Amino acid sequence: MKPNPGKPPRSNRATPGGRASPPSSGPTAERLRRWGLPLAALLLLGVLTGVWPGPDLFRRRPPTAHAAAGPAPPTVAPSPTGSPANPANPPPSSDPAELGAALINRGNEQLARGDLAGALASYRAAEKFLPEDEDVFYNQGIVLSRLGRTNEAIAAYEAALKLFPDHAEAHNNLGNLLLRAGRRTEAVEHFRAAIAALPEYAIAHNNLGNALRLAGQTNEALEHFTRAVELNPGYWEARFNLATLYRETGRPAEAAREYREVLRLQPDFTPARAALESLPPLPVPVRD
């Protein structure tokens, strides 16, 4: 959100409960297990398609940590009469910014509890009071994406970017949706814009690497996977992508090194173990 000293304090961006995801692209194992889907299959699909299922980002700045795991308590801003804020009937106030802030906070709490319909209603009600707040539209994009309403989510992220063109996470999330929709050229542009706005954004470097790999631009893809790992050495998803690209480009020693590091960080990630075992044996050095 653009600085505005007149706005009341609030947690304006959607930040659902759960452990802080690392500055990486993919959903964590915890998220995937919550969906009840096989971890290895989903992660392998993400690597192959360049699209990680599920909501990637809920923060504007990757270093910011999430709250502790578990649903957020329903601490909704009360109206003067003591009743909770309601998207259809917001508390009386003379300040539209306060009304919008209360609705956004409520939407964030609803999203943390998994109430997608309620969160969307709150964010859309907040839009009436804060029509020039980019985070209102960014948060709508998150919910619409989770609801599978891709075209509406794309439009919401585009609206956020019209208000704040340097919104790195909006660019990244929009790039993922466009890549999923087969609009690879546009996706690459948005991943590049995310990195231009936030050069140390490891998530966007990894996602750009995926898009470039799909486009056959392996040299540049390798640069971005490497950069993602440099920025976050514990980013095992990016290491797996890097290892796979090393394997595909005939560099088995480097691939083996990265697959081993993936397994050190994520011992149960079977695609890395299977890929490591499928590599040809390295030549044994000959001593004179």
C-alpha atoms as a PDB file:
ATOM      1  CA  MET A   1       0.000   0.000   0.000  1.00  0.00           C
ATOM      2  CA  LYS A   2       1.272   3.458  -0.769  1.00  0.00           C
ATOM      3  CA  PRO A   3       2.193   5.403   2.389  1.00  0.00           C
ATOM      4  CA  ASN A   4      -0.692   7.358   3.776  1.00  0.00           C
ATOM      5  CA  PRO A   5      -0.359   8.704   7.288  1.00  0.00           C
ATOM      6  CA  GLY A   6      -4.119   9.127   7.497  1.00  0.00           C
ATOM      7  CA  LYS A   7      -4.835   5.402   7.230  1.00  0.00           C
ATOM      8  CA  PRO A   8      -5.361   3.479  10.449  1.00  0.00           C
ATOM      9  CA  PRO A   9      -2.942   0.629  11.186  1.00  0.00           C
ATOM     10  CA  ARG A  10      -4.019  -2.758   9.866  1.00  0.00           C
ATOM     11  CA  SER A  11      -2.629  -5.964   8.483  1.00  0.00           C
ATOM     12  CA  ASN A  12      -3.708  -5.063   4.988  1.00  0.00           C
ATOM     13  CA  ARG A  13      -2.407  -8.050   3.055  1.00  0.00           C
ATOM     14  CA  ALA A  14      -3.883 -11.494   3.296  1.00  0.00           C
ATOM     15  CA  THR A  15      -1.680 -13.617   5.540  1.00  0.00           C
ATOM     16  CA  PRO A  16      -3.372 -16.954   6.257  1.00  0.00           C
ATOM     17  CA  GLY A  17      -2.127 -18.878   9.271  1.00  0.00           C
ATOM     18  CA  GLY A  18       0.554 -21.498   8.898  1.00  0.00           C
ATOM     19  CA  ARG A  19       4.293 -21.642   9.128  1.00  0.00           C
ATOM     20  CA  ALA A  20       6.263 -19.041   7.273  1.00  0.00           C
ATOM     21  CA  SER A  21       7.020 -20.364   3.844  1.00  0.00           C
ATOM     22  CA  PRO A  22      10.662 -19.877   2.896  1.00  0.00           C
ATOM     23  CA  PRO A  23      11.530 -17.355   0.226  1.00  0.00           C
ATOM     24  CA  SER A  24      10.733 -20.002  -2.346  1.00  0.00           C
ATOM     25  CA  SER A  25       8.212 -20.599  -5.030  1.00  0.00           C
ATOM     26  CA  GLY A  26       6.376 -23.740  -4.201  1.00  0.00           C
ATOM     27  CA  PRO A  27       3.808 -24.631  -1.615  1.00  0.00           C
ATOM     28  CA  THR A  28       5.209 -26.264   1.477  1.00  0.00           C
ATOM     29  CA  ALA A  29       4.702 -29.904   2.371  1.00  0.00           C
ATOM     30  CA  GLU A  30       2.345 -28.765   5.104  1.00  0.00           C
ATOM     31  CA  ARG A  31       0.093 -27.009   2.581  1.00  0.00           C
ATOM     32  CA  LEU A  32       0.039 -29.983   0.236  1.00  0.00           C
ATOM     33  CA  ARG A  33      -0.842 -32.407   3.018  1.00  0.00           C
ATOM     34  CA  ARG A  34      -3.682 -30.095   4.035  1.00  0.00           C
ATOM     35  CA  TRP A  35      -5.102 -30.510   0.543  1.00  0.00           C
ATOM     36  CA  GLY A  36      -5.048 -34.309   0.962  1.00  0.00           C
ATOM     37  CA  LEU A  37      -3.010 -34.871  -2.198  1.00  0.00           C
ATOM     38  CA  PRO A  38       0.233 -36.836  -2.607  1.00  0.00           C
ATOM     39  CA  LEU A  39       3.174 -34.550  -1.939  1.00  0.00           C
ATOM     40  CA  ALA A  40       5.578 -36.079  -4.432  1.00  0.00           C
ATOM     41  CA  ALA A  41       3.061 -36.127  -7.276  1.00  0.00           C
ATOM     42  CA  LEU A  42       2.071 -32.498  -6.799  1.00  0.00           C
ATOM     43  CA  LEU A  43       5.601 -31.209  -6.459  1.00  0.00           C
ATOM     44  CA  LEU A  44       6.758 -33.168  -9.498  1.00  0.00           C
ATOM     45  CA  LEU A  45       3.811 -31.738 -11.454  1.00  0.00           C
ATOM     46  CA  GLY A  46       4.856 -28.264 -10.383  1.00  0.00           C
ATOM     47  CA  VAL A  47       8.411 -28.818 -11.533  1.00  0.00           C
ATOM     48  CA  LEU A  48       7.343 -30.195 -14.912  1.00  0.00           C
ATOM     49  CA  THR A  49       4.726 -27.556 -15.663  1.00  0.00           C
ATOM     50  CA  GLY A  50       6.333 -24.573 -14.018  1.00  0.00           C
ATOM     51  CA  VAL A  51       3.139 -23.966 -12.029  1.00  0.00           C
ATOM     52  CA  TRP A  52       3.002 -24.721  -8.318  1.00  0.00           C
ATOM     53  CA  PRO A  53      -0.542 -25.613  -7.249  1.00  0.00           C
ATOM     54  CA  GLY A  54      -2.138 -23.568  -4.555  1.00  0.00           C
ATOM     55  CA  PRO A  55      -1.562 -20.014  -3.344  1.00  0.00           C
ATOM     56  CA  ASP A  56       2.120 -19.211  -3.423  1.00  0.00           C
ATOM     57  CA  LEU A  57       2.340 -15.900  -1.707  1.00  0.00           C
ATOM     58  CA  PHE A  58       0.506 -14.047   0.937  1.00  0.00           C
ATOM     59  CA  ARG A  59       3.160 -11.452   1.747  1.00  0.00           C
ATOM     60  CA  ARG A  60       4.507  -8.540  -0.205  1.00  0.00           C
ATOM     61  CA  ARG A  61       8.039  -8.950   1.127  1.00  0.00           C
ATOM     62  CA  PRO A  62       9.354 -12.542   1.190  1.00  0.00           C
ATOM     63  CA  PRO A  63      11.438 -12.096   4.392  1.00  0.00           C
ATOM     64  CA  THR A  64       8.323 -11.292   6.443  1.00  0.00           C
ATOM     65  CA  ALA A  65       7.281 -14.229   8.627  1.00  0.00           C
ATOM     66  CA  HIS A  66       3.761 -15.571   8.952  1.00  0.00           C
ATOM     67  CA  ALA A  67       1.991 -15.884  12.244  1.00  0.00           C
ATOM     68  CA  ALA A  68       2.244 -19.102  14.214  1.00  0.00           C
ATOM     69  CA  ALA A  69       0.484 -22.159  12.833  1.00  0.00           C
ATOM     70  CA  GLY A  70      -3.237 -22.476  13.344  1.00  0.00           C
ATOM     71  CA  PRO A  71      -6.299 -20.402  12.517  1.00  0.00           C
ATOM     72  CA  ALA A  72      -6.257 -16.798  13.602  1.00  0.00           C
ATOM     73  CA  PRO A  73      -8.584 -15.929  16.504  1.00  0.00           C
ATOM     74  CA  PRO A  74     -11.686 -14.002  15.467  1.00  0.00           C
ATOM     75  CA  THR A  75     -10.545 -10.621  16.795  1.00  0.00           C
ATOM     76  CA  VAL A  76     -12.723  -8.553  14.479  1.00  0.00           C
ATOM     77  CA  ALA A  77     -12.833  -4.805  14.904  1.00  0.00           C
ATOM     78  CA  PRO A  78     -16.085  -4.174  16.816  1.00  0.00           C
ATOM     79  CA  SER A  79     -18.645  -1.556  15.996  1.00  0.00           C
ATOM     80  CA  PRO A  80     -19.516   1.097  18.569  1.00  0.00           C
ATOM     81  CA  THR A  81     -22.315  -1.193  19.800  1.00  0.00           C
ATOM     82  CA  GLY A  82     -19.909  -4.067  20.353  1.00  0.00           C
ATOM     83  CA  SER A  83     -21.125  -6.282  17.455  1.00  0.00           C
ATOM     84  CA  PRO A  84     -18.560  -7.730  15.009  1.00  0.00           C
ATOM     85  CA  ALA A  85     -17.885  -6.086  11.678  1.00  0.00           C
ATOM     86  CA  ASN A  86     -20.096  -7.441   8.910  1.00  0.00           C
ATOM     87  CA  PRO A  87     -19.302  -7.037   5.191  1.00  0.00           C
ATOM     88  CA  ALA A  88     -22.974  -6.465   4.401  1.00  0.00           C
ATOM     89  CA  ASN A  89     -23.510  -4.111   7.324  1.00  0.00           C
ATOM     90  CA  PRO A  90     -20.189  -2.497   8.355  1.00  0.00           C
ATOM     91  CA  PRO A  91     -19.941  -0.659  11.680  1.00  0.00           C
ATOM     92  CA  PRO A  92     -21.015   2.967  11.596  1.00  0.00           C
ATOM     93  CA  SER A  93     -18.096   5.334  11.208  1.00  0.00           C
ATOM     94  CA  SER A  94     -17.354   8.702   9.696  1.00  0.00           C
ATOM     95  CA  ASP A  95     -14.016   7.534   8.294  1.00  0.00           C
ATOM     96  CA  PRO A  96     -14.102   5.349   5.143  1.00  0.00           C
ATOM     97  CA  ALA A  97     -10.481   4.312   5.773  1.00  0.00           C
ATOM     98  CA  GLU A  98     -11.450   2.861   9.148  1.00  0.00           C
ATOM     99  CA  LEU A  99     -14.365   0.993   7.618  1.00  0.00           C
ATOM    100  CA  GLY A 100     -12.185  -0.408   4.868  1.00  0.00           C
ATOM    101  CA  ALA A 101      -9.467  -1.388   7.327  1.00  0.00           C
ATOM    102  CA  ALA A 102     -11.921  -3.275   9.540  1.00  0.00           C
ATOM    103  CA  LEU A 103     -13.296  -5.157   6.538  1.00  0.00           C
ATOM    104  CA  ILE A 104      -9.846  -6.075   5.249  1.00  0.00           C
ATOM    105  CA  ASN A 105      -8.779  -7.307   8.670  1.00  0.00           C
ATOM    106  CA  ARG A 106     -11.937  -9.387   8.842  1.00  0.00           C
ATOM    107  CA  GLY A 107     -11.291 -10.786   5.370  1.00  0.00           C
ATOM    108  CA  ASN A 108      -7.752 -11.764   6.373  1.00  0.00           C
ATOM    109  CA  GLU A 109      -9.077 -13.624   9.409  1.00  0.00           C
ATOM    110  CA  GLN A 110     -11.747 -15.364   7.327  1.00  0.00           C
ATOM    111  CA  LEU A 111      -9.139 -16.421   4.797  1.00  0.00           C
ATOM    112  CA  ALA A 112      -6.935 -17.794   7.573  1.00  0.00           C
ATOM    113  CA  ARG A 113      -9.888 -19.923   8.727  1.00  0.00           C
ATOM    114  CA  GLY A 114     -10.546 -21.164   5.199  1.00  0.00           C
ATOM    115  CA  ASP A 115     -13.760 -19.178   4.743  1.00  0.00           C
ATOM    116  CA  LEU A 116     -13.100 -18.176   1.139  1.00  0.00           C
ATOM    117  CA  ALA A 117     -16.608 -16.923   0.392  1.00  0.00           C
ATOM    118  CA  GLY A 118     -16.628 -14.775   3.512  1.00  0.00           C
ATOM    119  CA  ALA A 119     -13.165 -13.380   2.806  1.00  0.00           C
ATOM    120  CA  LEU A 120     -14.125 -12.451  -0.740  1.00  0.00           C
ATOM    121  CA  ALA A 121     -17.281 -10.701   0.499  1.00  0.00           C
ATOM    122  CA  SER A 122     -15.235  -8.729   3.035  1.00  0.00           C
ATOM    123  CA  TYR A 123     -12.621  -7.663   0.491  1.00  0.00           C
ATOM    124  CA  ARG A 124     -15.249  -6.615  -2.012  1.00  0.00           C
ATOM    125  CA  ALA A 125     -17.065  -4.629   0.653  1.00  0.00           C
ATOM    126  CA  ALA A 126     -13.753  -2.962   1.547  1.00  0.00           C
ATOM    127  CA  GLU A 127     -13.305  -1.983  -2.093  1.00  0.00           C
ATOM    128  CA  LYS A 128     -16.273   0.391  -1.785  1.00  0.00           C
ATOM    129  CA  PHE A 129     -14.437   2.339   0.916  1.00  0.00           C
ATOM    130  CA  LEU A 130     -10.874   1.960  -0.417  1.00  0.00           C
ATOM    131  CA  PRO A 131     -11.185   1.901  -4.217  1.00  0.00           C
ATOM    132  CA  GLU A 132      -7.559   2.973  -4.687  1.00  0.00           C
ATOM    133  CA  ASP A 133      -6.013   0.480  -2.258  1.00  0.00           C
ATOM    134  CA  GLU A 134      -3.980  -2.050  -4.250  1.00  0.00           C
ATOM    135  CA  ASP A 135      -4.078  -4.614  -1.466  1.00  0.00           C
ATOM    136  CA  VAL A 136      -7.868  -4.848  -1.623  1.00  0.00           C
ATOM    137  CA  PHE A 137      -7.501  -6.177  -5.173  1.00  0.00           C
ATOM    138  CA  TYR A 138      -4.396  -8.226  -4.391  1.00  0.00           C
ATOM    139  CA  ASN A 139      -6.240 -10.020  -1.592  1.00  0.00           C
ATOM    140  CA  GLN A 140      -9.205 -10.622  -3.889  1.00  0.00           C
ATOM    141  CA  GLY A 141      -6.793 -12.186  -6.375  1.00  0.00           C
ATOM    142  CA  ILE A 142      -5.573 -14.645  -3.744  1.00  0.00           C
ATOM    143  CA  VAL A 143      -9.096 -15.746  -2.844  1.00  0.00           C
ATOM    144  CA  LEU A 144     -10.318 -15.941  -6.444  1.00  0.00           C
ATOM    145  CA  SER A 145      -7.290 -18.029  -7.382  1.00  0.00           C
ATOM    146  CA  ARG A 146      -7.989 -20.456  -4.542  1.00  0.00           C
ATOM    147  CA  LEU A 147     -11.602 -20.674  -5.689  1.00  0.00           C
ATOM    148  CA  GLY A 148     -10.449 -21.633  -9.184  1.00  0.00           C
ATOM    149  CA  ARG A 149     -11.855 -18.455 -10.734  1.00  0.00           C
ATOM    150  CA  THR A 150      -8.714 -17.825 -12.745  1.00  0.00           C
ATOM    151  CA  ASN A 151      -9.927 -15.100 -15.101  1.00  0.00           C
ATOM    152  CA  GLU A 152     -11.326 -13.063 -12.216  1.00  0.00           C
ATOM    153  CA  ALA A 153      -8.117 -13.565 -10.235  1.00  0.00           C
ATOM    154  CA  ILE A 154      -6.076 -12.329 -13.192  1.00  0.00           C
ATOM    155  CA  ALA A 155      -8.274  -9.243 -13.420  1.00  0.00           C
ATOM    156  CA  ALA A 156      -7.892  -8.596  -9.682  1.00  0.00           C
ATOM    157  CA  TYR A 157      -4.097  -8.775  -9.816  1.00  0.00           C
ATOM    158  CA  GLU A 158      -4.084  -6.515 -12.881  1.00  0.00           C
ATOM    159  CA  ALA A 159      -6.217  -3.986 -10.967  1.00  0.00           C
ATOM    160  CA  ALA A 160      -3.730  -4.080  -8.070  1.00  0.00           C
ATOM    161  CA  LEU A 161      -0.843  -3.475 -10.464  1.00  0.00           C
ATOM    162  CA  LYS A 162      -2.565  -0.478 -12.055  1.00  0.00           C
ATOM    163  CA  LEU A 163      -2.615   1.109  -8.613  1.00  0.00           C
ATOM    164  CA  PHE A 164       0.870  -0.036  -7.578  1.00  0.00           C
ATOM    165  CA  PRO A 165       3.002  -1.149 -10.565  1.00  0.00           C
ATOM    166  CA  ASP A 166       5.889  -2.292  -8.330  1.00  0.00           C
ATOM    167  CA  HIS A 167       3.833  -4.794  -6.318  1.00  0.00           C
ATOM    168  CA  ALA A 168       6.301  -7.692  -6.612  1.00  0.00           C
ATOM    169  CA  GLU A 169       4.039 -10.422  -5.258  1.00  0.00           C
ATOM    170  CA  ALA A 170       1.124  -9.377  -7.458  1.00  0.00           C
ATOM    171  CA  HIS A 171       3.433  -9.689 -10.479  1.00  0.00           C
ATOM    172  CA  ASN A 172       4.607 -13.109  -9.316  1.00  0.00           C
ATOM    173  CA  ASN A 173       1.121 -14.466  -8.586  1.00  0.00           C
ATOM    174  CA  LEU A 174      -0.200 -13.095 -11.852  1.00  0.00           C
ATOM    175  CA  GLY A 175       2.720 -14.716 -13.677  1.00  0.00           C
ATOM    176  CA  ASN A 176       1.827 -18.097 -12.187  1.00  0.00           C
ATOM    177  CA  LEU A 177      -1.798 -17.783 -13.298  1.00  0.00           C
ATOM    178  CA  LEU A 178      -0.784 -16.717 -16.809  1.00  0.00           C
ATOM    179  CA  LEU A 179       1.667 -19.596 -17.068  1.00  0.00           C
ATOM    180  CA  ARG A 180      -1.061 -21.999 -16.001  1.00  0.00           C
ATOM    181  CA  ALA A 181      -3.312 -20.510 -18.692  1.00  0.00           C
ATOM    182  CA  GLY A 182      -0.667 -21.088 -21.367  1.00  0.00           C
ATOM    183  CA  ARG A 183       0.243 -17.404 -21.699  1.00  0.00           C
ATOM    184  CA  ARG A 184       3.935 -18.005 -21.211  1.00  0.00           C
ATOM    185  CA  THR A 185       5.294 -14.808 -22.778  1.00  0.00           C
ATOM    186  CA  GLU A 186       3.138 -12.632 -20.528  1.00  0.00           C
ATOM    187  CA  ALA A 187       4.056 -14.759 -17.521  1.00  0.00           C
ATOM    188  CA  VAL A 188       7.764 -14.214 -18.162  1.00  0.00           C
ATOM    189  CA  GLU A 189       7.185 -10.456 -18.344  1.00  0.00           C
ATOM    190  CA  HIS A 190       5.504 -10.439 -14.944  1.00  0.00           C
ATOM    191  CA  PHE A 191       8.172 -12.612 -13.314  1.00  0.00           C
ATOM    192  CA  ARG A 192      10.794 -10.208 -14.657  1.00  0.00           C
ATOM    193  CA  ALA A 193       8.802  -7.270 -13.302  1.00  0.00           C
ATOM    194  CA  ALA A 194       8.632  -8.937  -9.879  1.00  0.00           C
ATOM    195  CA  ILE A 195      12.414  -9.306  -9.858  1.00  0.00           C
ATOM    196  CA  ALA A 196      12.905  -5.728 -11.062  1.00  0.00           C
ATOM    197  CA  ALA A 197      10.791  -4.511  -8.137  1.00  0.00           C
ATOM    198  CA  LEU A 198      12.461  -6.848  -5.643  1.00  0.00           C
ATOM    199  CA  PRO A 199      15.808  -8.190  -6.943  1.00  0.00           C
ATOM    200  CA  GLU A 200      16.310 -10.597  -4.017  1.00  0.00           C
ATOM    201  CA  TYR A 201      12.912 -12.250  -4.554  1.00  0.00           C
ATOM    202  CA  ALA A 202      13.966 -15.913  -4.672  1.00  0.00           C
ATOM    203  CA  ILE A 203      10.426 -17.108  -5.425  1.00  0.00           C
ATOM    204  CA  ALA A 204      10.196 -15.053  -8.588  1.00  0.00           C
ATOM    205  CA  HIS A 205      13.682 -16.154  -9.719  1.00  0.00           C
ATOM    206  CA  ASN A 206      12.600 -19.788  -9.423  1.00  0.00           C
ATOM    207  CA  ASN A 207       9.302 -19.201 -11.199  1.00  0.00           C
ATOM    208  CA  LEU A 208      11.036 -17.320 -13.998  1.00  0.00           C
ATOM    209  CA  GLY A 209      13.459 -20.225 -14.285  1.00  0.00           C
ATOM    210  CA  ASN A 210      10.536 -22.619 -14.695  1.00  0.00           C
ATOM    211  CA  ALA A 211       8.955 -20.472 -17.405  1.00  0.00           C
ATOM    212  CA  LEU A 212      12.248 -20.094 -19.286  1.00  0.00           C
ATOM    213  CA  ARG A 213      12.933 -23.827 -19.039  1.00  0.00           C
ATOM    214  CA  LEU A 214       9.559 -24.539 -20.626  1.00  0.00           C
ATOM    215  CA  ALA A 215      10.458 -22.071 -23.389  1.00  0.00           C
ATOM    216  CA  GLY A 216      13.732 -23.912 -24.039  1.00  0.00           C
ATOM    217  CA  GLN A 217      15.884 -21.040 -22.757  1.00  0.00           C
ATOM    218  CA  THR A 218      17.970 -23.316 -20.577  1.00  0.00           C
ATOM    219  CA  ASN A 219      20.994 -21.056 -20.047  1.00  0.00           C
ATOM    220  CA  GLU A 220      18.960 -18.204 -18.603  1.00  0.00           C
ATOM    221  CA  ALA A 221      16.758 -20.628 -16.674  1.00  0.00           C
ATOM    222  CA  LEU A 222      19.913 -22.027 -15.071  1.00  0.00           C
ATOM    223  CA  GLU A 223      20.962 -18.515 -14.034  1.00  0.00           C
ATOM    224  CA  HIS A 224      17.669 -17.878 -12.255  1.00  0.00           C
ATOM    225  CA  PHE A 225      17.529 -21.258 -10.503  1.00  0.00           C
ATOM    226  CA  THR A 226      21.099 -20.673  -9.318  1.00  0.00           C
ATOM    227  CA  ARG A 227      20.227 -17.191  -8.112  1.00  0.00           C
ATOM    228  CA  ALA A 228      17.210 -18.498  -6.203  1.00  0.00           C
ATOM    229  CA  VAL A 229      19.423 -20.998  -4.372  1.00  0.00           C
ATOM    230  CA  GLU A 230      22.057 -18.348  -3.665  1.00  0.00           C
ATOM    231  CA  LEU A 231      19.406 -16.126  -2.100  1.00  0.00           C
ATOM    232  CA  ASN A 232      17.955 -18.961  -0.038  1.00  0.00           C
ATOM    233  CA  PRO A 233      20.229 -22.004   0.372  1.00  0.00           C
ATOM    234  CA  GLY A 234      17.433 -23.916   2.099  1.00  0.00           C
ATOM    235  CA  TYR A 235      15.075 -23.490  -0.866  1.00  0.00           C
ATOM    236  CA  TRP A 236      14.910 -27.162  -1.787  1.00  0.00           C
ATOM    237  CA  GLU A 237      12.308 -26.779  -4.545  1.00  0.00           C
ATOM    238  CA  ALA A 238      14.645 -24.484  -6.463  1.00  0.00           C
ATOM    239  CA  ARG A 239      17.518 -26.901  -5.854  1.00  0.00           C
ATOM    240  CA  PHE A 240      15.442 -29.720  -7.336  1.00  0.00           C
ATOM    241  CA  ASN A 241      14.725 -27.594 -10.420  1.00  0.00           C
ATOM    242  CA  LEU A 242      18.408 -26.725 -10.685  1.00  0.00           C
ATOM    243  CA  ALA A 243      19.410 -30.383 -10.384  1.00  0.00           C
ATOM    244  CA  THR A 244      16.900 -31.415 -13.031  1.00  0.00           C
ATOM    245  CA  LEU A 245      18.197 -28.804 -15.447  1.00  0.00           C
ATOM    246  CA  TYR A 246      21.773 -29.941 -14.809  1.00  0.00           C
ATOM    247  CA  ARG A 247      20.704 -33.508 -15.604  1.00  0.00           C
ATOM    248  CA  GLU A 248      18.908 -32.423 -18.790  1.00  0.00           C
ATOM    249  CA  THR A 249      21.933 -30.470 -20.001  1.00  0.00           C
ATOM    250  CA  GLY A 250      24.433 -33.299 -19.473  1.00  0.00           C
ATOM    251  CA  ARG A 251      26.000 -32.238 -16.178  1.00  0.00           C
ATOM    252  CA  PRO A 252      25.466 -35.317 -13.976  1.00  0.00           C
ATOM    253  CA  ALA A 253      28.020 -34.399 -11.305  1.00  0.00           C
ATOM    254  CA  GLU A 254      26.317 -31.071 -10.598  1.00  0.00           C
ATOM    255  CA  ALA A 255      22.913 -32.746 -10.762  1.00  0.00           C
ATOM    256  CA  ALA A 256      23.944 -35.387  -8.229  1.00  0.00           C
ATOM    257  CA  ARG A 257      25.284 -32.727  -5.880  1.00  0.00           C
ATOM    258  CA  GLU A 258      22.015 -30.790  -5.931  1.00  0.00           C
ATOM    259  CA  TYR A 259      19.810 -33.906  -5.621  1.00  0.00           C
ATOM    260  CA  ARG A 260      21.793 -34.919  -2.530  1.00  0.00           C
ATOM    261  CA  GLU A 261      21.295 -31.476  -1.046  1.00  0.00           C
ATOM    262  CA  VAL A 262      17.558 -31.687  -1.750  1.00  0.00           C
ATOM    263  CA  LEU A 263      17.420 -34.989   0.107  1.00  0.00           C
ATOM    264  CA  ARG A 264      19.365 -33.549   3.010  1.00  0.00           C
ATOM    265  CA  LEU A 265      16.793 -30.748   3.274  1.00  0.00           C
ATOM    266  CA  GLN A 266      13.741 -32.879   2.409  1.00  0.00           C
ATOM    267  CA  PRO A 267      14.529 -36.573   3.039  1.00  0.00           C
ATOM    268  CA  ASP A 268      11.056 -37.818   2.067  1.00  0.00           C
ATOM    269  CA  PHE A 269      11.007 -36.175  -1.374  1.00  0.00           C
ATOM    270  CA  THR A 270      11.027 -39.342  -3.457  1.00  0.00           C
ATOM    271  CA  PRO A 271      11.340 -37.693  -6.916  1.00  0.00           C
ATOM    272  CA  ALA A 272      14.788 -36.424  -5.923  1.00  0.00           C
ATOM    273  CA  ARG A 273      15.846 -39.869  -4.690  1.00  0.00           C
ATOM    274  CA  ALA A 274      14.569 -41.542  -7.858  1.00  0.00           C
ATOM    275  CA  ALA A 275      16.296 -38.961 -10.067  1.00  0.00           C
ATOM    276  CA  LEU A 276      19.573 -39.365  -8.183  1.00  0.00           C
ATOM    277  CA  GLU A 277      19.440 -43.151  -8.558  1.00  0.00           C
ATOM    278  CA  SER A 278      18.754 -42.821 -12.291  1.00  0.00           C
ATOM    279  CA  LEU A 279      21.899 -40.796 -12.959  1.00  0.00           C
ATOM    280  CA  PRO A 280      24.725 -42.644 -14.711  1.00  0.00           C
ATOM    281  CA  PRO A 281      27.601 -43.612 -12.415  1.00  0.00           C
ATOM    282  CA  LEU A 282      30.319 -40.994 -12.268  1.00  0.00           C
ATOM    283  CA  PRO A 283      33.764 -42.028 -13.559  1.00  0.00           C
ATOM    284  CA  VAL A 284      36.249 -43.068 -10.903  1.00  0.00           C
ATOM    285  CA  PRO A 285      39.402 -40.910 -10.902  1.00  0.00           C
ATOM    286  CA  VAL A 286      42.466 -42.832 -12.048  1.00  0.00           C
ATOM    287  CA  ARG A 287      45.652 -42.386 -10.059  1.00  0.00           C
ATOM    288  CA  ASP A 288      49.052 -42.741 -11.703  1.00  0.00           C
END
